[in-house]
């Protein structure tokens, strides 16, 4: 069973890559006794921390880019999870750059040595797997709260759909095929 028609696979690949850059791959809500609660929103290229019930230097909202997060976590228990996050974000960045090139020069990219739909699908699936590993590391290394890898699962699903898309030029529309058989 094909999830996306051949003629729409390119558009889905571009939109999927852009969506991958905008949705959080991990949401974590943690209650820390004696301090309050914290909400982590981890996007591919930044992390948002919102503290409820406590302030640090009169702030309750923190925004970290990947380099800042890596620098803050260097030598900490969760450093490996943040390195996995950086690797997954790199895969998403390559998918987004490929999608931009595909959007701007569709015919040239289509005629290249690699199918851009499969490339973007593979990159998104790989990013989903790496970010799922980062989520696993966050859980096993003792980060408080329960992470919800919603974006990670979406990345994996979109990547799999793109990899399974029927990309043959001679792909026949199933409805036309069934109509011909009925006559």
Protein backbone atom coordinates (compact mmCIF):
# COMPACT_ATOMS: atom_id res chain seq x y z
CA UNK A 1 0.00 0.00 0.00
CA UNK A 2 1.36 3.38 -1.01
CA UNK A 3 0.73 6.27 1.39
CA UNK A 4 1.49 9.05 -1.07
CA UNK A 5 1.03 9.27 -4.82
CA UNK A 6 4.14 9.64 -6.92
CA UNK A 7 3.21 13.07 -8.22
CA UNK A 8 2.85 14.47 -4.68
CA UNK A 9 5.91 12.85 -3.10
CA UNK A 10 8.17 15.80 -3.88
CA UNK A 11 5.83 18.30 -2.27
CA UNK A 12 5.41 16.09 0.79
CA UNK A 13 9.19 15.77 1.10
CA UNK A 14 9.69 19.55 1.07
CA UNK A 15 6.87 20.23 3.53
CA UNK A 16 8.05 17.38 5.79
CA UNK A 17 11.58 18.77 5.99
CA UNK A 18 10.32 22.25 6.81
CA UNK A 19 7.92 20.84 9.39
CA UNK A 20 10.77 18.85 10.95
CA UNK A 21 12.64 22.10 11.58
CA UNK A 22 9.65 23.73 13.29
CA UNK A 23 8.14 21.10 15.59
CA UNK A 24 9.63 20.17 18.97
CA UNK A 25 11.13 16.70 18.97
CA UNK A 26 10.77 16.37 22.73
CA UNK A 27 8.44 17.81 25.36
CA UNK A 28 9.26 17.20 29.01
CA UNK A 29 7.29 18.36 32.02
CA UNK A 30 9.02 17.78 35.34
CA UNK A 31 8.10 18.51 38.92
CA UNK A 32 11.16 19.12 41.07
CA UNK A 33 10.35 18.92 44.79
CA UNK A 34 11.34 22.04 46.68
CA UNK A 35 11.75 24.13 43.55
CA UNK A 36 8.72 23.96 41.28
CA UNK A 37 8.05 22.63 37.83
CA UNK A 38 9.89 22.98 34.57
CA UNK A 39 8.75 22.56 30.99
CA UNK A 40 11.35 21.68 28.37
CA UNK A 41 10.50 22.21 24.71
CA UNK A 42 13.35 20.83 22.63
CA UNK A 43 13.20 21.94 19.01
CA UNK A 44 15.76 20.78 16.45
CA UNK A 45 17.86 23.94 16.79
CA UNK A 46 16.98 25.33 20.21
CA UNK A 47 15.71 24.43 23.65
CA UNK A 48 13.10 26.40 25.57
CA UNK A 49 12.96 26.01 29.35
CA UNK A 50 10.06 27.52 31.23
CA UNK A 51 10.26 27.46 35.01
CA UNK A 52 7.03 27.61 37.01
CA UNK A 53 7.19 28.57 40.67
CA UNK A 54 10.83 29.59 40.81
CA UNK A 55 13.05 32.27 39.41
CA UNK A 56 16.72 32.40 38.71
CA UNK A 57 18.09 35.94 38.40
CA UNK A 58 14.47 37.14 38.05
CA UNK A 59 13.96 34.95 34.99
CA UNK A 60 11.66 32.03 34.44
CA UNK A 61 12.23 31.55 30.70
CA UNK A 62 15.45 30.33 29.12
CA UNK A 63 16.29 29.87 25.47
CA UNK A 64 19.35 27.83 24.49
CA UNK A 65 20.76 27.16 21.07
CA UNK A 66 22.51 23.85 20.50
CA UNK A 67 26.03 25.26 21.07
CA UNK A 68 24.89 26.95 24.30
CA UNK A 69 23.13 23.79 25.48
CA UNK A 70 26.20 21.70 24.67
CA UNK A 71 28.42 24.17 26.51
CA UNK A 72 26.08 24.18 29.54
CA UNK A 73 25.95 20.38 29.63
CA UNK A 74 29.65 19.71 28.98
CA UNK A 75 30.95 17.32 31.61
CA UNK A 76 27.43 16.68 32.91
CA UNK A 77 25.66 13.32 32.97
CA UNK A 78 23.39 14.33 30.07
CA UNK A 79 26.19 15.45 27.73
CA UNK A 80 25.77 12.37 25.51
CA UNK A 81 22.04 13.04 25.12
CA UNK A 82 22.79 16.60 24.01
CA UNK A 83 25.41 15.35 21.56
CA UNK A 84 22.81 12.99 20.09
CA UNK A 85 20.45 15.96 19.85
CA UNK A 86 23.12 17.90 17.93
CA UNK A 87 23.60 14.94 15.55
CA UNK A 88 19.85 14.66 14.94
CA UNK A 89 19.62 18.40 14.35
CA UNK A 90 22.43 18.18 11.81
CA UNK A 91 20.46 15.54 9.90
CA UNK A 92 17.39 17.79 9.94
CA UNK A 93 19.48 20.74 8.75
CA UNK A 94 20.73 18.71 5.79
CA UNK A 95 17.13 17.67 5.02
CA UNK A 96 15.99 21.31 5.13
CA UNK A 97 18.84 22.44 2.86
CA UNK A 98 17.98 19.63 0.44
CA UNK A 99 14.31 20.66 0.55
CA UNK A 100 15.20 24.28 -0.19
CA UNK A 101 17.32 23.23 -3.17
CA UNK A 102 14.54 20.91 -4.32
CA UNK A 103 11.96 23.68 -3.99
CA UNK A 104 14.06 26.24 -5.88
CA UNK A 105 15.40 23.96 -8.63
CA UNK A 106 13.03 21.00 -8.79
CA UNK A 107 13.92 19.74 -12.25
CA UNK A 108 17.68 19.96 -11.71
CA UNK A 109 17.49 18.21 -8.33
CA UNK A 110 15.10 15.54 -9.71
CA UNK A 111 17.64 14.76 -12.46
CA UNK A 112 20.52 14.47 -9.99
CA UNK A 113 22.19 11.22 -8.97
CA UNK A 114 20.02 10.76 -5.85
CA UNK A 115 16.23 10.81 -5.57
CA UNK A 116 15.54 13.86 -3.36
CA UNK A 117 12.38 12.32 -1.90
CA UNK A 118 14.27 9.24 -0.72
CA UNK A 119 17.17 11.39 0.50
CA UNK A 120 14.90 13.61 2.59
CA UNK A 121 12.97 10.57 3.81
CA UNK A 122 16.17 8.82 4.85
CA UNK A 123 17.47 11.92 6.60
CA UNK A 124 14.21 12.41 8.52
CA UNK A 125 14.02 8.75 9.52
CA UNK A 126 17.65 8.80 10.66
CA UNK A 127 17.03 12.04 12.60
CA UNK A 128 13.99 10.45 14.24
CA UNK A 129 16.05 7.44 15.33
CA UNK A 130 18.91 9.59 16.65
CA UNK A 131 16.54 11.89 18.53
CA UNK A 132 14.71 8.88 19.96
CA UNK A 133 18.10 7.70 21.23
CA UNK A 134 18.63 11.17 22.75
CA UNK A 135 15.24 10.86 24.49
CA UNK A 136 16.23 7.42 25.79
CA UNK A 137 19.49 8.85 27.11
CA UNK A 138 17.65 11.69 28.84
CA UNK A 139 15.39 9.16 30.58
CA UNK A 140 18.11 6.73 31.57
CA UNK A 141 20.54 9.40 32.75
CA UNK A 142 18.13 10.65 35.36
CA UNK A 143 16.68 13.84 33.89
CA UNK A 144 13.52 14.52 35.89
CA UNK A 145 10.13 14.26 34.25
CA UNK A 146 8.66 12.10 31.57
CA UNK A 147 9.65 13.08 28.05
CA UNK A 148 7.11 12.89 25.26
CA UNK A 149 8.94 12.27 21.97
CA UNK A 150 5.99 13.40 19.83
CA UNK A 151 8.08 15.16 17.18
CA UNK A 152 10.55 12.29 17.12
CA UNK A 153 7.82 9.80 16.27
CA UNK A 154 6.43 12.16 13.64
CA UNK A 155 9.88 12.44 12.05
CA UNK A 156 10.16 8.67 11.88
CA UNK A 157 6.69 8.32 10.37
CA UNK A 158 7.26 11.02 7.73
CA UNK A 159 10.65 9.56 6.86
CA UNK A 160 9.17 6.08 6.44
CA UNK A 161 6.30 7.40 4.30
CA UNK A 162 8.75 9.21 2.02
CA UNK A 163 10.98 6.15 1.74
CA UNK A 164 7.99 3.97 0.82
CA UNK A 165 6.58 6.43 -1.74
CA UNK A 166 6.18 4.96 -5.22
CA UNK A 167 8.60 7.04 -7.28
CA UNK A 168 8.26 5.25 -10.63
CA UNK A 169 7.50 7.47 -13.61
CA UNK A 170 5.09 4.85 -14.94
CA UNK A 171 3.17 4.48 -11.67
CA UNK A 172 -0.47 3.85 -12.45
CA UNK A 173 -3.18 5.48 -10.41
CA UNK A 174 -5.00 2.67 -8.56
CA UNK A 175 -8.44 4.15 -9.24
CA UNK A 176 -7.78 4.21 -12.98
CA UNK A 177 -6.51 0.63 -12.85
CA UNK A 178 -9.60 -0.58 -11.00
CA UNK A 179 -11.91 1.29 -13.38
CA UNK A 180 -10.25 -0.44 -16.35
CA UNK A 181 -10.69 -3.87 -14.73
CA UNK A 182 -14.38 -3.24 -14.06
CA UNK A 183 -15.17 -2.67 -17.76
